[in-house]
Amino acid sequence: MINEEAVHYSRILTEVTLSFHIIYATIGVGIPLFIMIAQWVGIRRNDEHYILLARRWTRGYAITVAVGVVTGTAIGLLLSLLWPNFMEVAGHIIALPLFMETFAFFFEAIFLGIYLYTWDRFDNQFKHLLLLVPVAIGAAFSAVFITTVNAFMNSPQGFEILNNELINVNPIEAMFNPSMPTKVSHVVATAFMTAAFILASIAAYRMVKGSKHIYHKKALHLTVTVGLVFSIASLIIGDFSGKYLAQYQPEKLAAAEWHFETSENAPLILMGQLTDDNEVRYALEIPSMLSILAYGNPSAEVIGLDQFSEDEIPPLYIHYLFDIMVGIGTLLIIVAAIYWLGIRRRWKFIKSKAFLWLLVFSGPLCMIAIESGWWLNEVGRQPWVLHGIMKTAEGATSSNQVELMLWLFTGLYVVLGIGSVIVLTRMFKKNPIERELAERNQ
C-alpha cells in the first residue's frame, strides 16, 4: 500500500540530498583536471606560479572530497531506506556500476593521498605530476559509473520481466543503455566547465578586491580559456541530448518545451509564462527550431503532450529549469569568448571591474545551471522512477519516519556546508599567496 506522505517526504529528502551532493560531486570531478593542467604548465614553463596554483587548488580540493564522501554515502544509504521497492527490482542490475563507482573513488583517493604526501619528495616534478593522472581518471570515472545508474533509470534495458519478476539480467547491457552516451558525456563536460568557472570566479574576485598579483591573472586566464572549451562542448552535447529525448522520452522534451500539440515545423519556446489553462504568454518563439533540435530537420514532426495520458506528463515547470540551464550556459560562452578575444586583441574593458564582476558571478551561475540541469533531469522523468516500468510512488518506502529523517539529514548538510566554507576560507585567508611565495623563495 502506498503511503502518500512517505512518498512526498522521500522525494523531498532525495532532492535535498542530490542538490547538496551535486555541488561537491561536480567540484570533485572537475578540479583534478585543472590541478594537472596547472602543474604541467608550471613544469613546462618552469613557472612557480602555476606550480603553486596546483598546490593551493589541491588543498581546497581535499576538503571538498571529504564532504563529498559523506554526501555520497548518504545517497547510497537513502536509496535503500527511501526506495526499497525500487532497489528490490533494480538493485542487482545497478549493483555493478555502483560498485565500480566506489572502486573509482578509492582509486582516486589513494593516489590523491600519495600526491599530497609527496609534494617535496620528488627531484623530478614530472614524476610527481604522473600521480595526478589516476586521480583525474578516478574522479572522471566515478562520475561515469554513477551517471550510468541514472541513465538506466531513464532508459532501462538489460533484463526481461516475467510474472512481475526480472529475469535474464545483463548488467553490462543495462549500463550501456541508450541514454548513457549523452548523459555521461554531458555530466563530465559540465563538471569540467563548472570547475573552470568556479576557479575563475575566485581569481576574478581577488582582482576585483585590488590584487594585482600575476598569480591571479594567470589563474584567470587558464581557467576561463579551458572553461570556454568545455562550455562549447557542453552546448554540442546538449544538442545530442535533445535528439535522444525526442526518440526515447518525447514527453519529457514536450514538457520542457511546452509543446502541447504534435506538429511539424515545431517552434522552440524560450522563457515565457504558462497560465492555468496552459496558454503560453510573453515567450520568445523561434520557428521550426524545436524540429531542428529534435531531428535536425526544420519540417520534422515533433510529438506533443497531446499523445500522453495526463498522469504520465512531467511537471510543466521544468520549462523554467531548461531556460535557466540554457540561458546561463549561453551567457558563459559569450563571456568566456569575449575574454579570450579581448586578451588577444588587448581590449582594455576586459580588465575593468565591471567585466571582472561578470567573471566573479560566473562560478555561482554555473553551479545554478548544474542544479537546474539535474532538477530538469530528475523531475522531467516523473512520474517514473524507472521509466516505463515503475512509478515513483511504487518504489518508495511506506515508513512514517521519513519526515524525521528529512530534518536530520538536512541538519547534517547545513553543518557540512557551513563547516566546509569556514575551513576553506580560513585555510586561504591565513596563508595568502604573497606569504606562500615569499616562504618558498627563502
Protein backbone atom coordinates (compact mmCIF):
# COMPACT_ATOMS: atom_id res chain seq x y z
CA MET A 1 0.00 0.00 0.00
CA ILE A 2 1.32 3.45 -0.98
CA ASN A 3 1.89 5.92 1.84
CA GLU A 4 1.45 9.30 0.12
CA GLU A 5 3.08 11.21 2.97
CA ALA A 6 6.12 8.92 2.94
CA VAL A 7 6.40 9.32 -0.85
CA HIS A 8 6.22 13.10 -0.51
CA TYR A 9 8.95 13.34 2.13
CA SER A 10 11.08 10.71 0.37
CA ARG A 11 11.07 12.83 -2.77
CA ILE A 12 11.94 15.99 -0.84
CA LEU A 13 14.78 14.32 1.07
CA THR A 14 16.19 12.80 -2.12
CA GLU A 15 16.01 16.17 -3.89
CA VAL A 16 17.71 17.95 -0.97
CA THR A 17 20.45 15.32 -0.79
CA LEU A 18 21.15 15.33 -4.53
CA SER A 19 21.06 19.14 -4.68
CA PHE A 20 23.65 19.38 -1.92
CA HIS A 21 25.79 16.49 -3.10
CA ILE A 22 25.97 17.72 -6.68
CA ILE A 23 27.93 20.79 -5.55
CA TYR A 24 30.77 18.74 -4.09
CA ALA A 25 30.49 15.96 -6.68
CA THR A 26 30.86 18.41 -9.57
CA ILE A 27 33.87 20.06 -7.96
CA GLY A 28 35.31 16.63 -7.18
CA VAL A 29 35.07 15.54 -10.81
CA GLY A 30 36.32 18.78 -12.39
CA ILE A 31 39.10 20.15 -10.20
CA PRO A 32 41.69 17.33 -10.67
CA LEU A 33 41.94 18.15 -14.37
CA PHE A 34 42.85 21.76 -13.58
CA ILE A 35 45.37 20.76 -10.94
CA MET A 36 47.02 18.53 -13.53
CA ILE A 37 46.97 21.24 -16.24
CA ALA A 38 48.39 23.87 -13.88
CA GLN A 39 51.24 21.65 -12.70
CA TRP A 40 52.02 20.54 -16.26
CA VAL A 41 52.16 24.16 -17.47
CA GLY A 42 54.32 25.08 -14.46
CA ILE A 43 56.80 22.30 -15.18
CA ARG A 44 56.92 23.02 -18.90
CA ARG A 45 57.43 26.77 -18.42
CA ASN A 46 59.40 26.47 -15.19
CA ASP A 47 56.82 28.83 -13.68
CA GLU A 48 56.40 28.69 -9.90
CA HIS A 49 53.02 30.44 -10.09
CA TYR A 50 51.38 27.55 -11.92
CA ILE A 51 53.04 25.03 -9.60
CA LEU A 52 51.63 26.95 -6.66
CA LEU A 53 48.22 27.08 -8.33
CA ALA A 54 48.21 23.28 -8.43
CA ARG A 55 49.31 23.09 -4.81
CA ARG A 56 46.71 25.50 -3.45
CA TRP A 57 43.88 24.06 -5.54
CA THR A 58 44.75 20.60 -4.24
CA ARG A 59 44.38 21.73 -0.62
CA GLY A 60 40.90 23.07 -1.27
CA TYR A 61 40.01 20.04 -3.34
CA ALA A 62 40.88 17.69 -0.47
CA ILE A 63 38.26 19.41 1.71
CA THR A 64 35.52 19.11 -0.91
CA VAL A 65 36.37 15.44 -1.46
CA ALA A 66 35.94 14.77 2.26
CA VAL A 67 32.47 16.36 2.27
CA GLY A 68 31.58 14.59 -0.98
CA VAL A 69 32.34 11.24 0.67
CA VAL A 70 29.76 11.95 3.39
CA THR A 71 27.03 13.09 0.99
CA GLY A 72 27.78 10.26 -1.43
CA THR A 73 27.45 7.76 1.42
CA ALA A 74 24.15 9.42 2.37
CA ILE A 75 22.82 8.86 -1.15
CA GLY A 76 23.70 5.17 -1.01
CA LEU A 77 22.01 4.87 2.38
CA LEU A 78 18.89 6.72 1.26
CA LEU A 79 18.49 4.53 -1.81
CA SER A 80 17.94 1.57 0.49
CA LEU A 81 15.93 3.40 3.16
CA LEU A 82 13.66 5.55 1.00
CA TRP A 83 13.34 3.49 -2.18
CA PRO A 84 13.36 -0.18 -1.05
CA ASN A 85 10.88 -1.36 -3.70
CA PHE A 86 12.95 0.23 -6.45
CA MET A 87 16.15 -1.32 -5.10
CA GLU A 88 14.44 -4.71 -4.82
CA VAL A 89 13.67 -4.58 -8.52
CA ALA A 90 16.72 -2.77 -9.89
CA GLY A 91 19.34 -3.25 -7.16
CA HIS A 92 21.02 -6.31 -8.61
CA ILE A 93 21.09 -4.66 -12.05
CA ILE A 94 22.73 -1.41 -10.96
CA ALA A 95 24.96 -3.05 -8.35
CA LEU A 96 27.82 -3.31 -10.87
CA PRO A 97 28.11 0.42 -11.72
CA LEU A 98 27.59 1.31 -8.04
CA PHE A 99 30.48 -0.98 -7.08
CA MET A 100 32.63 0.38 -9.90
CA GLU A 101 31.88 3.95 -8.80
CA THR A 102 33.10 3.08 -5.30
CA PHE A 103 36.22 1.45 -6.76
CA ALA A 104 36.90 4.53 -8.91
CA PHE A 105 36.59 6.77 -5.87
CA PHE A 106 39.05 4.71 -3.80
CA PHE A 107 41.39 4.62 -6.78
CA GLU A 108 41.24 8.42 -6.87
CA ALA A 109 41.54 8.84 -3.09
CA ILE A 110 44.59 6.58 -2.76
CA PHE A 111 46.59 8.42 -5.39
CA LEU A 112 45.39 11.80 -4.10
CA GLY A 113 46.78 10.92 -0.69
CA ILE A 114 50.11 9.86 -2.22
CA TYR A 115 50.17 13.04 -4.34
CA LEU A 116 49.58 15.26 -1.30
CA TYR A 117 52.15 13.46 0.84
CA THR A 118 54.90 13.55 -1.77
CA TRP A 119 54.85 17.22 -2.79
CA ASP A 120 58.51 17.89 -1.94
CA ARG A 121 59.82 14.34 -2.17
CA PHE A 122 60.48 14.13 -5.93
CA ASP A 123 63.56 15.55 -7.56
CA ASN A 124 61.72 15.32 -10.87
CA GLN A 125 58.44 17.26 -10.75
CA PHE A 126 57.16 15.38 -13.81
CA LYS A 127 57.15 12.12 -11.84
CA HIS A 128 55.06 13.81 -9.19
CA LEU A 129 52.70 15.04 -11.91
CA LEU A 130 52.13 11.44 -13.05
CA LEU A 131 50.41 10.75 -9.73
CA LEU A 132 47.65 13.13 -10.79
CA VAL A 133 46.74 11.01 -13.82
CA PRO A 134 44.99 8.27 -11.80
CA VAL A 135 43.41 10.97 -9.60
CA ALA A 136 41.85 12.66 -12.63
CA ILE A 137 40.87 9.32 -14.19
CA GLY A 138 39.31 8.07 -10.96
CA ALA A 139 37.37 11.31 -10.47
CA ALA A 140 36.04 11.26 -14.03
CA PHE A 141 35.10 7.59 -13.97
CA SER A 142 33.31 7.90 -10.64
CA ALA A 143 31.02 10.33 -12.49
CA VAL A 144 30.78 7.96 -15.46
CA PHE A 145 29.67 4.97 -13.39
CA ILE A 146 27.19 6.79 -11.16
CA THR A 147 25.68 8.52 -14.19
CA THR A 148 25.12 5.17 -15.89
CA VAL A 149 22.83 4.34 -12.95
CA ASN A 150 20.81 7.47 -13.62
CA ALA A 151 20.84 6.72 -17.34
CA PHE A 152 19.48 3.22 -16.63
CA MET A 153 16.59 4.78 -14.70
CA ASN A 154 15.76 6.88 -17.78
CA SER A 155 16.11 4.10 -20.37
CA PRO A 156 16.08 0.73 -18.59
CA GLN A 157 17.25 -2.32 -20.52
CA GLY A 158 19.31 -5.47 -19.94
CA PHE A 159 16.55 -7.62 -18.45
CA GLU A 160 13.18 -9.21 -19.13
CA ILE A 161 10.05 -9.19 -16.98
CA LEU A 162 8.13 -12.44 -16.44
CA ASN A 163 5.31 -12.69 -13.88
CA ASN A 164 6.42 -9.37 -12.37
CA GLU A 165 9.95 -10.69 -11.86
CA LEU A 166 13.17 -9.66 -13.61
CA ILE A 167 14.90 -12.46 -15.49
CA ASN A 168 17.83 -12.75 -17.92
CA VAL A 169 19.57 -9.83 -16.26
CA ASN A 170 22.58 -8.45 -18.17
CA PRO A 171 24.28 -5.70 -16.11
CA ILE A 172 26.65 -4.74 -18.97
CA GLU A 173 23.77 -4.21 -21.38
CA ALA A 174 21.94 -2.29 -18.65
CA MET A 175 24.93 0.03 -18.23
CA PHE A 176 25.26 0.73 -21.96
CA ASN A 177 21.67 1.89 -22.34
CA PRO A 178 20.53 4.44 -24.95
CA SER A 179 20.78 7.48 -22.68
CA MET A 180 24.21 6.57 -21.31
CA PRO A 181 26.40 8.24 -24.00
CA THR A 182 24.71 11.64 -23.87
CA LYS A 183 24.20 11.71 -20.11
CA VAL A 184 27.73 10.63 -19.24
CA SER A 185 29.40 12.98 -21.70
CA HIS A 186 27.20 15.89 -20.63
CA VAL A 187 27.85 15.31 -16.91
CA VAL A 188 31.61 15.09 -17.36
CA ALA A 189 31.84 18.08 -19.73
CA THR A 190 29.70 20.30 -17.49
CA ALA A 191 31.71 19.25 -14.43
CA PHE A 192 34.90 20.45 -16.12
CA MET A 193 33.11 23.61 -17.25
CA THR A 194 31.79 24.33 -13.75
CA ALA A 195 35.15 23.70 -12.09
CA ALA A 196 36.74 26.12 -14.57
CA PHE A 197 34.33 28.95 -13.83
CA ILE A 198 34.41 28.40 -10.06
CA LEU A 199 38.20 28.71 -10.07
CA ALA A 200 37.94 31.68 -12.45
CA SER A 201 35.47 33.43 -10.15
CA ILE A 202 37.89 33.09 -7.23
CA ALA A 203 40.74 34.62 -9.22
CA ALA A 204 38.48 37.40 -10.56
CA TYR A 205 37.27 38.18 -7.04
CA ARG A 206 40.84 38.63 -5.79
CA MET A 207 41.48 41.00 -8.69
CA VAL A 208 38.28 42.97 -8.02
CA LYS A 209 39.41 43.37 -4.42
CA GLY A 210 42.56 45.08 -5.62
CA SER A 211 45.15 42.33 -6.01
CA LYS A 212 47.42 42.96 -8.99
CA HIS A 213 49.45 39.80 -8.44
CA ILE A 214 50.33 37.95 -11.63
CA TYR A 215 49.35 34.70 -9.91
CA HIS A 216 45.64 35.61 -10.07
CA LYS A 217 45.91 36.82 -13.67
CA LYS A 218 47.47 33.50 -14.72
CA ALA A 219 44.80 31.57 -12.83
CA LEU A 220 42.04 33.57 -14.51
CA HIS A 221 43.48 33.16 -17.99
CA LEU A 222 43.98 29.40 -17.61
CA THR A 223 40.55 28.67 -16.17
CA VAL A 224 38.50 30.89 -18.48
CA THR A 225 40.27 29.52 -21.57
CA VAL A 226 39.62 25.90 -20.59
CA GLY A 227 36.12 26.87 -19.44
CA LEU A 228 35.34 28.19 -22.91
CA VAL A 229 36.35 24.87 -24.48
CA PHE A 230 34.13 22.80 -22.19
CA SER A 231 31.20 25.23 -22.33
CA ILE A 232 31.14 24.86 -26.13
CA ALA A 233 31.45 21.07 -25.73
CA SER A 234 28.51 21.12 -23.29
CA LEU A 235 26.42 23.03 -25.83
CA ILE A 236 27.15 20.49 -28.56
CA ILE A 237 26.41 17.52 -26.28
CA GLY A 238 23.20 19.26 -25.18
CA ASP A 239 22.06 19.19 -28.80
CA PHE A 240 22.59 15.40 -28.88
CA SER A 241 20.64 15.15 -25.61
CA GLY A 242 17.69 16.88 -27.25
CA LYS A 243 17.72 14.33 -30.08
CA TYR A 244 17.89 11.49 -27.55
CA LEU A 245 14.81 12.86 -25.74
CA ALA A 246 12.88 13.17 -28.99
CA GLN A 247 13.41 9.46 -29.65
CA TYR A 248 13.23 7.89 -26.18
CA GLN A 249 11.49 10.36 -23.84
CA PRO A 250 9.32 12.60 -26.06
CA GLU A 251 7.02 13.50 -23.17
CA LYS A 252 9.98 15.00 -21.30
CA LEU A 253 11.05 17.06 -24.31
CA ALA A 254 7.47 18.21 -24.92
CA ALA A 255 7.01 19.24 -21.27
CA ALA A 256 10.33 21.09 -21.18
CA GLU A 257 9.43 22.98 -24.37
CA TRP A 258 5.70 23.48 -23.63
CA HIS A 259 4.93 21.66 -26.86
CA PHE A 260 1.30 20.72 -26.32
CA GLU A 261 0.22 19.56 -29.77
CA THR A 262 2.03 17.21 -32.13
CA SER A 263 3.04 19.21 -35.17
CA GLU A 264 5.55 19.76 -37.92
CA ASN A 265 7.79 22.84 -38.05
CA ALA A 266 7.61 22.93 -34.26
CA PRO A 267 8.85 26.21 -32.74
CA LEU A 268 11.28 26.41 -29.83
CA ILE A 269 9.76 28.32 -26.92
CA LEU A 270 12.15 30.27 -24.72
CA MET A 271 11.18 31.98 -21.47
CA GLY A 272 7.52 32.91 -21.22
CA GLN A 273 4.80 32.30 -18.66
CA LEU A 274 2.29 29.44 -18.52
CA THR A 275 -1.26 30.23 -17.42
CA ASP A 276 -3.59 27.86 -15.58
CA ASP A 277 -5.26 26.89 -18.85
CA ASN A 278 -1.87 26.09 -20.46
CA GLU A 279 -1.69 29.28 -22.50
CA VAL A 280 1.88 30.48 -23.12
CA ARG A 281 2.48 34.21 -22.72
CA TYR A 282 5.46 36.54 -23.16
CA ALA A 283 7.56 33.79 -24.77
CA LEU A 284 10.18 34.05 -27.48
CA GLU A 285 9.34 31.60 -30.25
CA ILE A 286 11.95 30.51 -32.77
CA PRO A 287 10.13 28.97 -35.76
CA SER A 288 10.98 25.33 -36.60
CA MET A 289 13.85 25.30 -34.10
CA LEU A 290 12.37 22.52 -31.93
CA SER A 291 12.10 20.31 -35.02
CA ILE A 292 15.75 21.06 -35.76
CA LEU A 293 16.76 20.37 -32.15
CA ALA A 294 14.84 17.10 -32.09
CA TYR A 295 15.55 15.69 -35.53
CA GLY A 296 17.88 18.06 -37.39
CA ASN A 297 15.08 18.76 -39.86
CA PRO A 298 13.04 22.02 -39.74
CA SER A 299 9.92 20.29 -41.13
CA ALA A 300 10.08 17.22 -38.86
CA GLU A 301 7.08 16.28 -36.77
CA VAL A 302 7.63 16.60 -33.01
CA ILE A 303 5.41 14.64 -30.63
CA GLY A 304 3.42 16.84 -28.27
CA LEU A 305 1.86 16.31 -24.86
CA ASP A 306 -1.46 15.50 -26.54
CA GLN A 307 -0.10 12.00 -27.18
CA PHE A 308 0.27 11.13 -23.49
CA SER A 309 -2.14 10.47 -20.68
CA GLU A 310 -2.30 13.20 -18.05
CA ASP A 311 -0.83 11.01 -15.31
CA GLU A 312 2.34 10.39 -17.39
CA ILE A 313 3.14 14.03 -18.19
CA PRO A 314 6.09 15.52 -16.22
CA PRO A 315 5.55 18.75 -14.23
CA LEU A 316 5.47 21.62 -16.70
CA TYR A 317 7.64 23.89 -14.55
CA ILE A 318 10.66 22.03 -15.92
CA HIS A 319 10.50 24.52 -18.81
CA TYR A 320 11.83 27.18 -16.43
CA LEU A 321 14.66 24.86 -15.40
CA PHE A 322 15.52 24.36 -19.07
CA ASP A 323 15.57 28.14 -19.62
CA ILE A 324 17.87 28.69 -16.62
CA MET A 325 20.29 25.97 -17.71
CA VAL A 326 20.47 27.02 -21.36
CA GLY A 327 20.43 30.74 -20.59
CA ILE A 328 23.33 30.56 -18.15
CA GLY A 329 25.30 28.23 -20.41
CA THR A 330 24.91 30.60 -23.35
CA LEU A 331 25.88 33.61 -21.23
CA LEU A 332 29.04 31.91 -20.01
CA ILE A 333 30.08 31.00 -23.55
CA ILE A 334 29.68 34.66 -24.55
CA VAL A 335 31.58 35.99 -21.52
CA ALA A 336 34.43 33.48 -21.92
CA ALA A 337 34.66 34.14 -25.67
CA ILE A 338 34.81 37.92 -25.10
CA TYR A 339 37.57 37.41 -22.52
CA TRP A 340 39.54 35.12 -24.84
CA LEU A 341 39.28 37.53 -27.76
CA GLY A 342 39.94 40.51 -25.52
CA ILE A 343 43.22 39.08 -24.27
CA ARG A 344 44.46 38.55 -27.80
CA ARG A 345 43.27 41.90 -29.13
CA ARG A 346 44.17 43.76 -25.94
CA TRP A 347 40.72 45.15 -25.27
CA LYS A 348 41.03 47.31 -22.17
CA PHE A 349 37.48 46.81 -20.89
CA ILE A 350 38.09 43.14 -20.01
CA LYS A 351 40.32 44.39 -17.18
CA SER A 352 37.60 46.68 -15.86
CA LYS A 353 35.85 45.93 -12.59
CA ALA A 354 32.50 45.59 -14.36
CA PHE A 355 33.75 42.76 -16.58
CA LEU A 356 35.65 41.16 -13.72
CA TRP A 357 32.43 41.12 -11.70
CA LEU A 358 30.84 39.14 -14.55
CA LEU A 359 33.61 36.59 -14.13
CA VAL A 360 33.14 36.61 -10.34
CA PHE A 361 29.49 35.64 -10.81
CA SER A 362 30.32 33.03 -13.47
CA GLY A 363 31.14 30.39 -10.84
CA PRO A 364 27.89 30.66 -8.83
CA LEU A 365 25.87 30.97 -12.05
CA CYS A 366 27.47 27.82 -13.44
CA MET A 367 26.56 25.93 -10.28
CA ILE A 368 22.96 27.18 -10.58
CA ALA A 369 22.94 25.84 -14.14
CA ILE A 370 24.20 22.47 -12.88
CA GLU A 371 21.47 22.33 -10.23
CA SER A 372 18.82 23.30 -12.80
CA GLY A 373 20.07 20.64 -15.18
CA TRP A 374 19.84 17.91 -12.56
CA TRP A 375 16.39 19.04 -11.45
CA LEU A 376 15.32 19.04 -15.11
CA ASN A 377 16.67 15.51 -15.49
CA GLU A 378 15.10 14.11 -12.33
CA VAL A 379 11.77 15.95 -12.31
CA GLY A 380 11.45 15.50 -16.07
CA ARG A 381 11.45 11.71 -15.60
CA GLN A 382 8.40 11.86 -13.34
CA PRO A 383 6.13 10.14 -12.63
CA TRP A 384 8.61 7.31 -13.24
CA VAL A 385 11.46 6.20 -11.00
CA LEU A 386 12.24 3.52 -13.62
CA HIS A 387 10.96 4.92 -16.88
CA GLY A 388 8.02 2.97 -18.28
CA ILE A 389 8.29 0.24 -15.64
CA MET A 390 7.93 1.56 -12.09
CA LYS A 391 6.38 4.82 -10.95
CA THR A 392 7.99 6.85 -8.20
CA ALA A 393 5.19 6.22 -5.72
CA GLU A 394 5.54 2.45 -6.26
CA GLY A 395 9.25 2.49 -5.48
CA ALA A 396 9.07 4.45 -2.22
CA THR A 397 9.04 3.33 1.38
CA SER A 398 5.86 3.21 3.45
CA SER A 399 7.64 4.22 6.66
CA ASN A 400 6.22 7.04 8.79
CA GLN A 401 9.69 8.20 9.90
CA VAL A 402 10.78 9.88 6.67
CA GLU A 403 9.90 13.38 7.90
CA LEU A 404 12.23 12.92 10.87
CA MET A 405 14.95 11.68 8.51
CA LEU A 406 14.43 14.78 6.38
CA TRP A 407 15.15 17.09 9.30
CA LEU A 408 18.14 15.06 10.50
CA PHE A 409 19.81 14.84 7.10
CA THR A 410 19.07 18.50 6.32
CA GLY A 411 20.76 19.44 9.60
CA LEU A 412 23.77 17.33 8.60
CA TYR A 413 24.03 19.11 5.25
CA VAL A 414 23.80 22.54 6.89
CA VAL A 415 26.65 21.64 9.24
CA LEU A 416 28.76 20.21 6.39
CA GLY A 417 28.10 23.19 4.15
CA ILE A 418 28.89 25.84 6.75
CA GLY A 419 31.86 23.85 8.06
CA SER A 420 33.45 23.41 4.64
CA VAL A 421 33.06 27.12 3.84
CA ILE A 422 34.66 28.13 7.14
CA VAL A 423 37.55 25.70 6.73
CA LEU A 424 38.25 26.75 3.14
CA THR A 425 38.02 30.46 3.97
CA ARG A 426 40.38 30.22 6.92
CA MET A 427 42.77 27.95 5.03
CA PHE A 428 43.42 30.55 2.34
CA LYS A 429 42.99 33.72 4.39
CA LYS A 430 45.66 32.65 6.84
CA ASN A 431 48.00 31.65 4.05
CA PRO A 432 47.75 34.28 1.26
CA ILE A 433 49.59 33.81 -1.98
CA GLU A 434 52.09 36.58 -1.23
CA ARG A 435 53.20 34.92 2.00
CA GLU A 436 53.44 31.47 0.44
CA LEU A 437 55.56 32.75 -2.46
CA ALA A 438 57.85 34.58 -0.03
CA GLU A 439 58.30 31.43 2.07
CA ARG A 440 59.08 29.30 -0.99
CA ASN A 441 61.71 31.79 -2.18
CA GLN A 442 63.53 31.95 1.15
